[in-house]
Amino acid sequence: MAVHVVRYTPRTGSRTARLLEHAIAQLDPAPVVTDLATTLPPLFDTTRVDGYVARNYGGIEPAAETAAALAPMDRYVEQLRAADRIILATPMYNFGLPAAVKAWFDAVIQKDRTWTVRDGAYEGWLTGHRALLITTSSGQYEDGPGSYDLLTPTVRQLFGFMGFAGVDVVAGQGTAAPAEVVDRRMAQARAEIDRVIAAWKSEAPTSRAQPAR
């Protein structure tokens, strides 16, 4: 089992970070960690988006300057493909993904590297992958249509688009509640993390990404 951690936990004393550290403590060997708060992911400016479209849709090798601009995004893809288990740790901002986390997804969802089109349909290539989303929010939200929680379904959709076999979610919600209530909810979240990681360890190794074409 090869685990890669993608974290965006910039707040001092972050509860998301505490839950993540609980998860990491159970992993041996220690996972590779991409810290999006320490190094913000690049955005698709004109150079990057034109170079990406020309390369990934048109088969045109980019010039050196454009290749250098795309290189950080390509490294994210390589890290993602090299693992078969991903832990994404992020808080909820305004009901959805922080901008840095969305930028990471934009970087790794690359045609003919993590997905393609076959017979007129989308095909995700990371079919041997599973993900664990660790998130916290001050409010407490129900699942389903009309929910204020836009983060969870977005993460499920984006990982699923790349072919992930499943996404487990540990959501420490309602952190604005009284301290004793929050402590109980965080304990429940840690127990759920324990369950997910134990299940990962018990599973047989699965195939990883298909080779780029």
N, C-alpha and C. Protein backbone atom coordinates (compact mmCIF):
# COMPACT_ATOMS: atom_id res chain seq x y z
N MET A 1 0.85 -1.20 0.00
CA MET A 1 0.00 0.00 0.00
C MET A 1 0.88 1.24 0.00
N ALA A 2 0.76 2.05 -1.03
CA ALA A 2 1.50 3.30 -1.13
C ALA A 2 0.54 4.46 -0.89
N VAL A 3 0.79 5.22 0.16
CA VAL A 3 -0.11 6.30 0.56
C VAL A 3 0.52 7.65 0.23
N HIS A 4 -0.27 8.51 -0.35
CA HIS A 4 0.15 9.89 -0.59
C HIS A 4 -0.84 10.82 0.12
N VAL A 5 -0.31 11.77 0.85
CA VAL A 5 -1.13 12.72 1.60
C VAL A 5 -1.11 14.08 0.91
N VAL A 6 -2.27 14.63 0.68
CA VAL A 6 -2.41 15.99 0.18
C VAL A 6 -3.13 16.78 1.27
N ARG A 7 -2.46 17.79 1.79
CA ARG A 7 -3.03 18.52 2.91
C ARG A 7 -3.09 20.01 2.63
N TYR A 8 -4.16 20.62 3.11
CA TYR A 8 -4.26 22.08 3.14
C TYR A 8 -4.84 22.42 4.50
N THR A 9 -3.96 22.69 5.44
CA THR A 9 -4.38 22.94 6.83
C THR A 9 -3.62 24.15 7.36
N PRO A 10 -3.85 25.33 6.81
CA PRO A 10 -3.03 26.50 7.16
C PRO A 10 -3.31 27.10 8.54
N ARG A 11 -4.46 26.83 9.08
CA ARG A 11 -4.84 27.50 10.34
C ARG A 11 -4.08 26.94 11.53
N THR A 12 -3.53 27.82 12.36
CA THR A 12 -2.88 27.39 13.59
C THR A 12 -3.89 26.68 14.49
N GLY A 13 -3.54 25.49 14.95
CA GLY A 13 -4.46 24.72 15.79
C GLY A 13 -5.56 24.03 15.02
N SER A 14 -5.38 23.86 13.73
CA SER A 14 -6.40 23.26 12.86
C SER A 14 -6.83 21.88 13.36
N ARG A 15 -8.13 21.70 13.49
CA ARG A 15 -8.65 20.39 13.88
C ARG A 15 -8.49 19.38 12.74
N THR A 16 -8.58 19.85 11.51
CA THR A 16 -8.32 18.96 10.37
C THR A 16 -6.90 18.42 10.45
N ALA A 17 -5.95 19.29 10.79
CA ALA A 17 -4.55 18.86 10.91
C ALA A 17 -4.39 17.83 12.01
N ARG A 18 -5.08 18.01 13.11
CA ARG A 18 -4.97 17.05 14.22
C ARG A 18 -5.49 15.68 13.80
N LEU A 19 -6.61 15.67 13.09
CA LEU A 19 -7.13 14.39 12.61
C LEU A 19 -6.17 13.75 11.61
N LEU A 20 -5.58 14.57 10.76
CA LEU A 20 -4.62 14.04 9.79
C LEU A 20 -3.42 13.43 10.49
N GLU A 21 -2.88 14.10 11.49
CA GLU A 21 -1.72 13.57 12.20
C GLU A 21 -2.07 12.24 12.88
N HIS A 22 -3.29 12.11 13.34
CA HIS A 22 -3.74 10.83 13.90
C HIS A 22 -3.68 9.74 12.84
N ALA A 23 -4.08 10.07 11.62
CA ALA A 23 -4.03 9.09 10.53
C ALA A 23 -2.60 8.75 10.16
N ILE A 24 -1.76 9.76 10.01
CA ILE A 24 -0.38 9.54 9.58
C ILE A 24 0.37 8.67 10.59
N ALA A 25 0.07 8.84 11.87
CA ALA A 25 0.76 8.07 12.91
C ALA A 25 0.56 6.57 12.75
N GLN A 26 -0.47 6.16 12.02
CA GLN A 26 -0.76 4.74 11.83
C GLN A 26 -0.13 4.16 10.56
N LEU A 27 0.56 4.99 9.81
CA LEU A 27 1.09 4.55 8.51
C LEU A 27 2.58 4.28 8.61
N ASP A 28 2.98 3.12 8.11
CA ASP A 28 4.39 2.73 8.08
C ASP A 28 4.63 1.96 6.77
N PRO A 29 5.49 2.51 5.91
CA PRO A 29 6.34 3.68 6.09
C PRO A 29 5.55 4.99 6.04
N ALA A 30 6.21 6.05 6.49
CA ALA A 30 5.56 7.36 6.48
C ALA A 30 5.22 7.75 5.04
N PRO A 31 4.07 8.35 4.82
CA PRO A 31 3.66 8.69 3.46
C PRO A 31 4.37 9.92 2.93
N VAL A 32 4.40 10.04 1.61
CA VAL A 32 4.81 11.29 0.98
C VAL A 32 3.70 12.30 1.22
N VAL A 33 4.08 13.54 1.54
CA VAL A 33 3.09 14.57 1.87
C VAL A 33 3.27 15.76 0.93
N THR A 34 2.18 16.17 0.31
CA THR A 34 2.14 17.42 -0.46
C THR A 34 1.38 18.44 0.38
N ASP A 35 2.07 19.49 0.80
CA ASP A 35 1.48 20.52 1.66
C ASP A 35 1.14 21.73 0.80
N LEU A 36 -0.13 21.89 0.51
CA LEU A 36 -0.58 22.96 -0.37
C LEU A 36 -0.57 24.32 0.32
N ALA A 37 -0.51 24.32 1.65
CA ALA A 37 -0.43 25.60 2.36
C ALA A 37 1.00 26.14 2.36
N THR A 38 1.97 25.25 2.34
CA THR A 38 3.38 25.66 2.30
C THR A 38 3.77 26.12 0.90
N THR A 39 3.35 25.36 -0.11
CA THR A 39 3.62 25.72 -1.51
C THR A 39 2.31 25.67 -2.26
N LEU A 40 1.76 26.84 -2.57
CA LEU A 40 0.48 26.89 -3.26
C LEU A 40 0.61 26.32 -4.67
N PRO A 41 -0.37 25.55 -5.10
CA PRO A 41 -0.30 24.98 -6.45
C PRO A 41 -0.49 26.06 -7.51
N PRO A 42 0.12 25.87 -8.68
CA PRO A 42 -0.04 26.87 -9.75
C PRO A 42 -1.45 26.83 -10.32
N LEU A 43 -1.84 27.95 -10.90
CA LEU A 43 -3.13 28.06 -11.56
C LEU A 43 -2.95 27.96 -13.07
N PHE A 44 -4.04 27.70 -13.76
CA PHE A 44 -4.01 27.66 -15.21
C PHE A 44 -4.06 29.08 -15.76
N ASP A 45 -2.89 29.71 -15.89
CA ASP A 45 -2.82 30.98 -16.59
C ASP A 45 -2.79 30.69 -18.10
N THR A 46 -2.62 31.73 -18.90
CA THR A 46 -2.67 31.54 -20.35
C THR A 46 -1.59 30.58 -20.84
N THR A 47 -0.37 30.72 -20.32
CA THR A 47 0.73 29.85 -20.76
C THR A 47 0.42 28.40 -20.45
N ARG A 48 -0.04 28.12 -19.25
CA ARG A 48 -0.28 26.74 -18.84
C ARG A 48 -1.48 26.13 -19.57
N VAL A 49 -2.57 26.87 -19.64
CA VAL A 49 -3.76 26.26 -20.25
C VAL A 49 -3.55 26.05 -21.75
N ASP A 50 -2.89 26.99 -22.43
CA ASP A 50 -2.62 26.79 -23.86
C ASP A 50 -1.66 25.61 -24.06
N GLY A 51 -0.64 25.53 -23.22
CA GLY A 51 0.32 24.43 -23.33
C GLY A 51 -0.31 23.09 -23.02
N TYR A 52 -1.18 23.05 -22.00
CA TYR A 52 -1.86 21.80 -21.64
C TYR A 52 -2.76 21.32 -22.77
N VAL A 53 -3.56 22.22 -23.31
CA VAL A 53 -4.48 21.82 -24.39
C VAL A 53 -3.70 21.33 -25.61
N ALA A 54 -2.63 22.07 -25.98
CA ALA A 54 -1.85 21.67 -27.14
C ALA A 54 -1.18 20.31 -26.92
N ARG A 55 -0.67 20.08 -25.73
CA ARG A 55 0.03 18.82 -25.44
C ARG A 55 -0.93 17.66 -25.24
N ASN A 56 -1.90 17.81 -24.34
CA ASN A 56 -2.74 16.68 -23.93
C ASN A 56 -3.88 16.40 -24.89
N TYR A 57 -4.29 17.40 -25.67
CA TYR A 57 -5.36 17.19 -26.65
C TYR A 57 -4.82 17.14 -28.08
N GLY A 58 -3.71 17.87 -28.33
CA GLY A 58 -3.21 17.96 -29.68
C GLY A 58 -1.93 17.19 -29.96
N GLY A 59 -1.32 16.64 -28.89
CA GLY A 59 -0.10 15.87 -29.08
C GLY A 59 1.11 16.71 -29.45
N ILE A 60 1.07 18.01 -29.16
CA ILE A 60 2.16 18.92 -29.51
C ILE A 60 3.06 19.11 -28.29
N GLU A 61 4.32 18.76 -28.41
CA GLU A 61 5.24 18.93 -27.30
C GLU A 61 5.45 20.42 -27.02
N PRO A 62 5.36 20.82 -25.78
CA PRO A 62 5.48 22.25 -25.47
C PRO A 62 6.92 22.74 -25.56
N ALA A 63 7.06 24.02 -25.80
CA ALA A 63 8.38 24.65 -25.75
C ALA A 63 8.90 24.59 -24.33
N ALA A 64 10.19 24.83 -24.17
CA ALA A 64 10.84 24.69 -22.87
C ALA A 64 10.19 25.55 -21.80
N GLU A 65 9.85 26.78 -22.14
CA GLU A 65 9.25 27.68 -21.16
C GLU A 65 7.88 27.16 -20.71
N THR A 66 7.11 26.67 -21.66
CA THR A 66 5.78 26.14 -21.32
C THR A 66 5.91 24.84 -20.54
N ALA A 67 6.83 23.99 -20.92
CA ALA A 67 7.04 22.74 -20.19
C ALA A 67 7.43 23.02 -18.74
N ALA A 68 8.25 24.04 -18.53
CA ALA A 68 8.65 24.41 -17.17
C ALA A 68 7.45 24.90 -16.37
N ALA A 69 6.54 25.62 -17.03
CA ALA A 69 5.34 26.12 -16.35
C ALA A 69 4.41 24.97 -15.96
N LEU A 70 4.36 23.93 -16.80
CA LEU A 70 3.50 22.78 -16.53
C LEU A 70 4.13 21.78 -15.57
N ALA A 71 5.43 21.87 -15.36
CA ALA A 71 6.15 20.86 -14.58
C ALA A 71 5.59 20.65 -13.17
N PRO A 72 5.26 21.70 -12.41
CA PRO A 72 4.71 21.45 -11.07
C PRO A 72 3.40 20.65 -11.11
N MET A 73 2.56 20.92 -12.09
CA MET A 73 1.32 20.17 -12.24
C MET A 73 1.61 18.71 -12.58
N ASP A 74 2.57 18.50 -13.48
CA ASP A 74 2.93 17.14 -13.86
C ASP A 74 3.51 16.35 -12.69
N ARG A 75 4.23 17.02 -11.80
CA ARG A 75 4.76 16.34 -10.60
C ARG A 75 3.61 15.87 -9.71
N TYR A 76 2.58 16.68 -9.58
CA TYR A 76 1.40 16.25 -8.81
C TYR A 76 0.80 14.98 -9.42
N VAL A 77 0.73 14.94 -10.75
CA VAL A 77 0.18 13.77 -11.43
C VAL A 77 1.04 12.54 -11.13
N GLU A 78 2.36 12.70 -11.22
CA GLU A 78 3.26 11.57 -10.95
C GLU A 78 3.09 11.07 -9.53
N GLN A 79 2.97 11.97 -8.58
CA GLN A 79 2.78 11.56 -7.19
C GLN A 79 1.46 10.81 -7.02
N LEU A 80 0.43 11.29 -7.67
CA LEU A 80 -0.88 10.66 -7.56
C LEU A 80 -0.87 9.27 -8.17
N ARG A 81 -0.25 9.12 -9.33
CA ARG A 81 -0.21 7.83 -10.02
C ARG A 81 0.66 6.83 -9.28
N ALA A 82 1.67 7.31 -8.56
CA ALA A 82 2.59 6.41 -7.86
C ALA A 82 1.99 5.80 -6.60
N ALA A 83 0.92 6.37 -6.10
CA ALA A 83 0.26 5.87 -4.89
C ALA A 83 -0.98 5.07 -5.28
N ASP A 84 -1.51 4.30 -4.34
CA ASP A 84 -2.81 3.68 -4.56
C ASP A 84 -3.83 4.07 -3.48
N ARG A 85 -3.35 4.81 -2.48
CA ARG A 85 -4.23 5.35 -1.44
C ARG A 85 -3.89 6.82 -1.25
N ILE A 86 -4.91 7.66 -1.27
CA ILE A 86 -4.72 9.11 -1.13
C ILE A 86 -5.50 9.58 0.09
N ILE A 87 -4.83 10.35 0.93
CA ILE A 87 -5.52 11.03 2.02
C ILE A 87 -5.54 12.51 1.69
N LEU A 88 -6.72 13.08 1.57
CA LEU A 88 -6.89 14.50 1.35
C LEU A 88 -7.44 15.13 2.63
N ALA A 89 -6.68 16.05 3.20
CA ALA A 89 -7.09 16.72 4.43
C ALA A 89 -7.29 18.20 4.16
N THR A 90 -8.50 18.65 4.34
CA THR A 90 -8.82 20.05 4.05
C THR A 90 -10.00 20.51 4.89
N PRO A 91 -10.00 21.75 5.33
CA PRO A 91 -11.20 22.29 5.95
C PRO A 91 -12.23 22.65 4.89
N MET A 92 -13.42 22.96 5.33
CA MET A 92 -14.46 23.49 4.45
C MET A 92 -14.41 25.02 4.51
N TYR A 93 -14.33 25.65 3.34
CA TYR A 93 -14.38 27.11 3.26
C TYR A 93 -15.64 27.51 2.52
N ASN A 94 -16.50 28.28 3.18
CA ASN A 94 -17.72 28.76 2.53
C ASN A 94 -18.47 27.64 1.83
N PHE A 95 -18.59 26.52 2.54
CA PHE A 95 -19.36 25.34 2.13
C PHE A 95 -18.66 24.47 1.09
N GLY A 96 -17.48 24.86 0.60
CA GLY A 96 -16.85 24.10 -0.46
C GLY A 96 -15.35 23.95 -0.27
N LEU A 97 -14.67 23.65 -1.37
CA LEU A 97 -13.23 23.44 -1.36
C LEU A 97 -12.48 24.76 -1.26
N PRO A 98 -11.43 24.84 -0.45
CA PRO A 98 -10.52 25.99 -0.55
C PRO A 98 -9.92 26.06 -1.95
N ALA A 99 -9.57 27.27 -2.37
CA ALA A 99 -9.05 27.48 -3.72
C ALA A 99 -7.82 26.64 -4.00
N ALA A 100 -6.94 26.49 -3.00
CA ALA A 100 -5.70 25.73 -3.21
C ALA A 100 -6.00 24.27 -3.52
N VAL A 101 -7.00 23.71 -2.89
CA VAL A 101 -7.34 22.30 -3.11
C VAL A 101 -7.98 22.13 -4.49
N LYS A 102 -8.84 23.06 -4.88
CA LYS A 102 -9.41 22.99 -6.23
C LYS A 102 -8.31 23.12 -7.28
N ALA A 103 -7.31 23.97 -7.02
CA ALA A 103 -6.19 24.10 -7.96
C ALA A 103 -5.41 22.80 -8.08
N TRP A 104 -5.27 22.07 -6.97
CA TRP A 104 -4.59 20.77 -7.03
C TRP A 104 -5.39 19.80 -7.90
N PHE A 105 -6.70 19.75 -7.71
CA PHE A 105 -7.52 18.88 -8.56
C PHE A 105 -7.39 19.29 -10.03
N ASP A 106 -7.42 20.59 -10.31
CA ASP A 106 -7.28 21.04 -11.69
C ASP A 106 -5.95 20.58 -12.29
N ALA A 107 -4.91 20.53 -11.45
CA ALA A 107 -3.59 20.12 -11.92
C ALA A 107 -3.52 18.64 -12.25
N VAL A 108 -4.20 17.81 -11.47
CA VAL A 108 -4.04 16.36 -11.64
C VAL A 108 -5.07 15.73 -12.57
N ILE A 109 -6.16 16.41 -12.83
CA ILE A 109 -7.17 15.85 -13.73
C ILE A 109 -6.74 16.19 -15.15
N GLN A 110 -5.80 15.40 -15.67
CA GLN A 110 -5.20 15.64 -16.97
C GLN A 110 -5.58 14.54 -17.96
N LYS A 111 -6.03 14.97 -19.11
CA LYS A 111 -6.42 14.02 -20.16
C LYS A 111 -5.22 13.16 -20.56
N ASP A 112 -5.48 11.88 -20.72
CA ASP A 112 -4.50 10.87 -21.10
C ASP A 112 -3.39 10.70 -20.07
N ARG A 113 -3.64 11.17 -18.85
CA ARG A 113 -2.72 10.91 -17.74
C ARG A 113 -3.47 10.36 -16.52
N THR A 114 -4.65 10.90 -16.26
CA THR A 114 -5.49 10.33 -15.20
C THR A 114 -6.89 9.99 -15.71
N TRP A 115 -7.19 10.38 -16.92
CA TRP A 115 -8.49 10.03 -17.52
C TRP A 115 -8.35 10.15 -19.04
N THR A 116 -9.32 9.59 -19.75
CA THR A 116 -9.36 9.73 -21.20
C THR A 116 -10.80 9.63 -21.66
N VAL A 117 -11.00 9.65 -22.96
CA VAL A 117 -12.30 9.42 -23.57
C VAL A 117 -12.20 8.17 -24.44
N ARG A 118 -13.07 7.21 -24.21
CA ARG A 118 -13.07 5.98 -24.99
C ARG A 118 -14.50 5.67 -25.43
N ASP A 119 -14.66 5.48 -26.72
CA ASP A 119 -15.99 5.18 -27.29
C ASP A 119 -17.02 6.21 -26.86
N GLY A 120 -16.60 7.47 -26.85
CA GLY A 120 -17.52 8.56 -26.55
C GLY A 120 -17.85 8.73 -25.09
N ALA A 121 -17.15 8.02 -24.20
CA ALA A 121 -17.44 8.12 -22.77
C ALA A 121 -16.15 8.39 -21.99
N TYR A 122 -16.29 9.06 -20.87
CA TYR A 122 -15.15 9.30 -20.00
C TYR A 122 -14.68 7.99 -19.37
N GLU A 123 -13.37 7.87 -19.23
CA GLU A 123 -12.79 6.69 -18.60
C GLU A 123 -11.68 7.14 -17.64
N GLY A 124 -11.89 6.90 -16.35
CA GLY A 124 -10.86 7.20 -15.37
C GLY A 124 -9.79 6.12 -15.37
N TRP A 125 -8.55 6.52 -15.21
CA TRP A 125 -7.44 5.57 -15.27
C TRP A 125 -6.95 5.10 -13.91
N LEU A 126 -7.35 5.75 -12.84
CA LEU A 126 -6.80 5.40 -11.52
C LEU A 126 -7.73 4.43 -10.80
N THR A 127 -8.02 3.32 -11.48
CA THR A 127 -9.04 2.40 -11.00
C THR A 127 -8.59 1.59 -9.78
N GLY A 128 -7.29 1.55 -9.51
CA GLY A 128 -6.83 0.84 -8.33
C GLY A 128 -6.71 1.72 -7.09
N HIS A 129 -7.14 2.95 -7.21
CA HIS A 129 -6.96 3.93 -6.14
C HIS A 129 -8.19 4.02 -5.24
N ARG A 130 -7.94 4.37 -3.99
CA ARG A 130 -8.99 4.75 -3.06
C ARG A 130 -8.54 6.01 -2.33
N ALA A 131 -9.49 6.78 -1.83
CA ALA A 131 -9.17 8.02 -1.14
C ALA A 131 -9.88 8.10 0.20
N LEU A 132 -9.26 8.83 1.11
CA LEU A 132 -9.87 9.18 2.38
C LEU A 132 -9.88 10.70 2.47
N LEU A 133 -11.05 11.27 2.58
CA LEU A 133 -11.20 12.70 2.80
C LEU A 133 -11.36 12.96 4.29
N ILE A 134 -10.47 13.79 4.84
CA ILE A 134 -10.57 14.22 6.23
C ILE A 134 -10.87 15.71 6.21
N THR A 135 -11.99 16.09 6.79
CA THR A 135 -12.39 17.49 6.75
C THR A 135 -13.11 17.87 8.04
N THR A 136 -13.09 19.15 8.34
CA THR A 136 -13.83 19.66 9.49
C THR A 136 -14.55 20.93 9.07
N SER A 137 -15.60 21.26 9.81
CA SER A 137 -16.35 22.49 9.53
C SER A 137 -17.02 22.94 10.82
N SER A 138 -17.21 24.24 10.95
CA SER A 138 -17.86 24.77 12.16
C SER A 138 -19.34 24.42 12.19
N GLY A 139 -19.97 24.34 11.01
CA GLY A 139 -21.37 23.96 10.95
C GLY A 139 -21.54 22.46 10.81
N GLN A 140 -22.77 22.01 10.96
CA GLN A 140 -23.09 20.60 10.81
C GLN A 140 -24.15 20.47 9.73
N TYR A 141 -23.84 19.69 8.69
CA TYR A 141 -24.68 19.66 7.50
C TYR A 141 -25.09 18.24 7.17
N GLU A 142 -26.30 18.11 6.69
CA GLU A 142 -26.81 16.81 6.27
C GLU A 142 -26.39 16.53 4.84
N ASP A 143 -26.33 15.24 4.49
CA ASP A 143 -26.08 14.87 3.10
C ASP A 143 -27.34 15.04 2.27
N GLY A 144 -27.16 15.04 0.96
CA GLY A 144 -28.31 15.00 0.08
C GLY A 144 -28.59 16.33 -0.60
N PRO A 145 -29.58 16.35 -1.49
CA PRO A 145 -29.93 17.55 -2.23
C PRO A 145 -30.25 18.72 -1.31
N GLY A 146 -29.74 19.89 -1.66
CA GLY A 146 -30.01 21.07 -0.86
C GLY A 146 -29.07 21.27 0.30
N SER A 147 -28.15 20.33 0.54
CA SER A 147 -27.22 20.47 1.65
C SER A 147 -26.26 21.62 1.38
N TYR A 148 -25.87 22.29 2.46
CA TYR A 148 -24.85 23.32 2.34
C TYR A 148 -23.46 22.72 2.10
N ASP A 149 -23.30 21.44 2.34
CA ASP A 149 -22.02 20.79 2.16
C ASP A 149 -21.79 20.53 0.67
N LEU A 150 -21.06 21.43 0.03
CA LEU A 150 -20.70 21.25 -1.37
C LEU A 150 -19.34 20.57 -1.51
N LEU A 151 -18.58 20.51 -0.42
CA LEU A 151 -17.23 19.95 -0.46
C LEU A 151 -17.25 18.44 -0.71
N THR A 152 -18.02 17.73 0.09
CA THR A 152 -18.00 16.26 0.01
C THR A 152 -18.41 15.74 -1.36
N PRO A 153 -19.55 16.18 -1.92
CA PRO A 153 -19.91 15.64 -3.25
C PRO A 153 -18.92 16.05 -4.34
N THR A 154 -18.30 17.23 -4.20
CA THR A 154 -17.30 17.65 -5.19
C THR A 154 -16.09 16.73 -5.16
N VAL A 155 -15.60 16.42 -3.97
CA VAL A 155 -14.44 15.54 -3.84
C VAL A 155 -14.77 14.15 -4.38
N ARG A 156 -15.93 13.64 -4.04
CA ARG A 156 -16.33 12.32 -4.57
C ARG A 156 -16.39 12.34 -6.09
N GLN A 157 -16.96 13.41 -6.66
CA GLN A 157 -17.09 13.51 -8.11
C GLN A 157 -15.73 13.56 -8.79
N LEU A 158 -14.81 14.36 -8.25
CA LEU A 158 -13.52 14.55 -8.91
C LEU A 158 -12.64 13.31 -8.81
N PHE A 159 -12.59 12.70 -7.64
CA PHE A 159 -11.84 11.44 -7.55
C PHE A 159 -12.50 10.36 -8.40
N GLY A 160 -13.82 10.31 -8.37
CA GLY A 160 -14.53 9.31 -9.16
C GLY A 160 -14.29 9.48 -10.65
N PHE A 161 -14.20 10.72 -11.10
CA PHE A 161 -13.94 10.97 -12.52
C PHE A 161 -12.62 10.38 -12.95
N MET A 162 -11.64 10.37 -12.04
CA MET A 162 -10.33 9.78 -12.36
C MET A 162 -10.31 8.27 -12.17
N GLY A 163 -11.45 7.69 -11.80
CA GLY A 163 -11.54 6.25 -11.73
C GLY A 163 -11.39 5.64 -10.35
N PHE A 164 -11.29 6.45 -9.32
CA PHE A 164 -11.09 5.92 -7.97
C PHE A 164 -12.19 4.93 -7.62
N ALA A 165 -11.78 3.83 -6.98
CA ALA A 165 -12.73 2.78 -6.62
C ALA A 165 -13.65 3.19 -5.48
N GLY A 166 -13.24 4.16 -4.69
CA GLY A 166 -14.09 4.60 -3.59
C GLY A 166 -13.46 5.76 -2.85
N VAL A 167 -14.30 6.53 -2.17
CA VAL A 167 -13.85 7.66 -1.36
C VAL A 167 -14.53 7.57 0.00
N ASP A 168 -13.74 7.32 1.03
CA ASP A 168 -14.26 7.35 2.40
C ASP A 168 -14.18 8.78 2.92
N VAL A 169 -15.14 9.17 3.72
CA VAL A 169 -15.21 10.54 4.22
C VAL A 169 -15.29 10.52 5.75
N VAL A 170 -14.37 11.24 6.37
CA VAL A 170 -14.43 11.48 7.81
C VAL A 170 -14.61 12.97 7.98
N ALA A 171 -15.78 13.37 8.42
CA ALA A 171 -16.13 14.79 8.53
C ALA A 171 -16.36 15.16 9.98
N GLY A 172 -15.44 15.92 10.54
CA GLY A 172 -15.61 16.43 11.90
C GLY A 172 -16.41 17.71 11.85
N GLN A 173 -17.71 17.58 11.79
CA GLN A 173 -18.56 18.75 11.64
C GLN A 173 -19.03 19.29 13.00
N GLY A 174 -19.49 20.52 12.96
CA GLY A 174 -20.05 21.13 14.17
C GLY A 174 -19.02 21.52 15.20
N THR A 175 -17.87 22.05 14.75
CA THR A 175 -16.80 22.40 15.69
C THR A 175 -17.07 23.69 16.44
N ALA A 176 -18.18 24.38 16.13
CA ALA A 176 -18.56 25.57 16.88
C ALA A 176 -19.42 25.22 18.10
N ALA A 177 -19.67 23.94 18.30
CA ALA A 177 -20.48 23.47 19.43
C ALA A 177 -19.69 23.61 20.74
N PRO A 178 -20.33 23.41 21.89
CA PRO A 178 -19.61 23.42 23.17
C PRO A 178 -18.46 22.41 23.18
N ALA A 179 -17.43 22.71 23.96
CA ALA A 179 -16.18 21.94 23.94
C ALA A 179 -16.41 20.45 24.15
N GLU A 180 -17.28 20.09 25.08
CA GLU A 180 -17.47 18.66 25.35
C GLU A 180 -18.12 17.94 24.16
N VAL A 181 -18.96 18.66 23.43
CA VAL A 181 -19.58 18.08 22.24
C VAL A 181 -18.53 17.92 21.13
N VAL A 182 -17.69 18.93 20.96
CA VAL A 182 -16.64 18.86 19.94
C VAL A 182 -15.67 17.73 20.25
N ASP A 183 -15.30 17.58 21.53
CA ASP A 183 -14.39 16.50 21.90
C ASP A 183 -14.98 15.14 21.53
N ARG A 184 -16.27 14.98 21.76
CA ARG A 184 -16.91 13.71 21.43
C ARG A 184 -16.93 13.48 19.91
N ARG A 185 -17.20 14.53 19.17
CA ARG A 185 -17.23 14.40 17.71
C ARG A 185 -15.84 14.11 17.15
N MET A 186 -14.81 14.72 17.72
CA MET A 186 -13.46 14.45 17.25
C MET A 186 -13.04 13.02 17.59
N ALA A 187 -13.46 12.52 18.73
CA ALA A 187 -13.17 11.13 19.08
C ALA A 187 -13.85 10.18 18.10
N GLN A 188 -15.07 10.49 17.70
CA GLN A 188 -15.77 9.67 16.71
C GLN A 188 -15.05 9.71 15.37
N ALA A 189 -14.54 10.90 15.01
CA ALA A 189 -13.80 11.02 13.75
C ALA A 189 -12.52 10.20 13.79
N ARG A 190 -11.80 10.24 14.91
CA ARG A 190 -10.57 9.44 15.01
C ARG A 190 -10.88 7.95 14.91
N ALA A 191 -11.97 7.52 15.51
CA ALA A 191 -12.35 6.10 15.44
C ALA A 191 -12.68 5.71 13.99
N GLU A 192 -13.31 6.61 13.25
CA GLU A 192 -13.63 6.32 11.86
C GLU A 192 -12.36 6.27 11.00
N ILE A 193 -11.41 7.13 11.30
CA ILE A 193 -10.11 7.07 10.61
C ILE A 193 -9.44 5.72 10.87
N ASP A 194 -9.48 5.30 12.13
CA ASP A 194 -8.90 3.99 12.48
C ASP A 194 -9.53 2.88 11.65
N ARG A 195 -10.84 2.94 11.49
CA ARG A 195 -11.56 1.89 10.75
C ARG A 195 -11.13 1.87 9.29
N VAL A 196 -11.04 3.06 8.68
CA VAL A 196 -10.68 3.14 7.26
C VAL A 196 -9.27 2.62 7.03
N ILE A 197 -8.33 3.06 7.85
CA ILE A 197 -6.94 2.66 7.63
C ILE A 197 -6.77 1.17 7.90
N ALA A 198 -7.46 0.65 8.89
CA ALA A 198 -7.39 -0.79 9.14
C ALA A 198 -7.92 -1.56 7.94
N ALA A 199 -8.99 -1.07 7.32
CA ALA A 199 -9.53 -1.73 6.14
C ALA A 199 -8.54 -1.66 4.98
N TRP A 200 -7.88 -0.53 4.82
CA TRP A 200 -6.87 -0.41 3.77
C TRP A 200 -5.76 -1.44 3.95
N LYS A 201 -5.30 -1.56 5.19
CA LYS A 201 -4.19 -2.47 5.46
C LYS A 201 -4.57 -3.92 5.21
N SER A 202 -5.84 -4.23 5.35
CA SER A 202 -6.28 -5.62 5.17
C SER A 202 -6.53 -5.98 3.72
N GLU A 203 -6.59 -4.97 2.84
CA GLU A 203 -6.90 -5.23 1.45
C GLU A 203 -5.65 -5.67 0.70
N ALA A 204 -5.85 -6.53 -0.30
CA ALA A 204 -4.75 -6.94 -1.16
C ALA A 204 -4.34 -5.77 -2.04
N PRO A 205 -3.08 -5.71 -2.45
CA PRO A 205 -2.64 -4.65 -3.36
C PRO A 205 -3.47 -4.66 -4.64
N THR A 206 -3.72 -3.45 -5.16
CA THR A 206 -4.51 -3.33 -6.38
C THR A 206 -3.65 -2.70 -7.46
N SER A 207 -4.13 -2.83 -8.70
CA SER A 207 -3.40 -2.24 -9.82
C SER A 207 -3.46 -0.74 -9.74
N ARG A 208 -2.41 -0.10 -10.24
CA ARG A 208 -2.35 1.36 -10.22
C ARG A 208 -2.75 1.92 -11.57
N ALA A 209 -2.35 3.15 -11.81
CA ALA A 209 -2.80 3.83 -13.01
C ALA A 209 -2.33 3.12 -14.28
N GLN A 210 -3.12 3.23 -15.32
CA GLN A 210 -2.70 2.76 -16.61
C GLN A 210 -1.57 3.66 -17.12
N PRO A 211 -0.68 3.13 -17.94
CA PRO A 211 0.41 3.96 -18.44
C PRO A 211 -0.09 5.06 -19.35
N ALA A 212 0.59 6.20 -19.30
CA ALA A 212 0.25 7.29 -20.21
C ALA A 212 0.49 6.85 -21.65
N ARG A 213 -0.34 7.36 -22.54
CA ARG A 213 -0.25 6.95 -23.94
C ARG A 213 0.09 8.15 -24.82
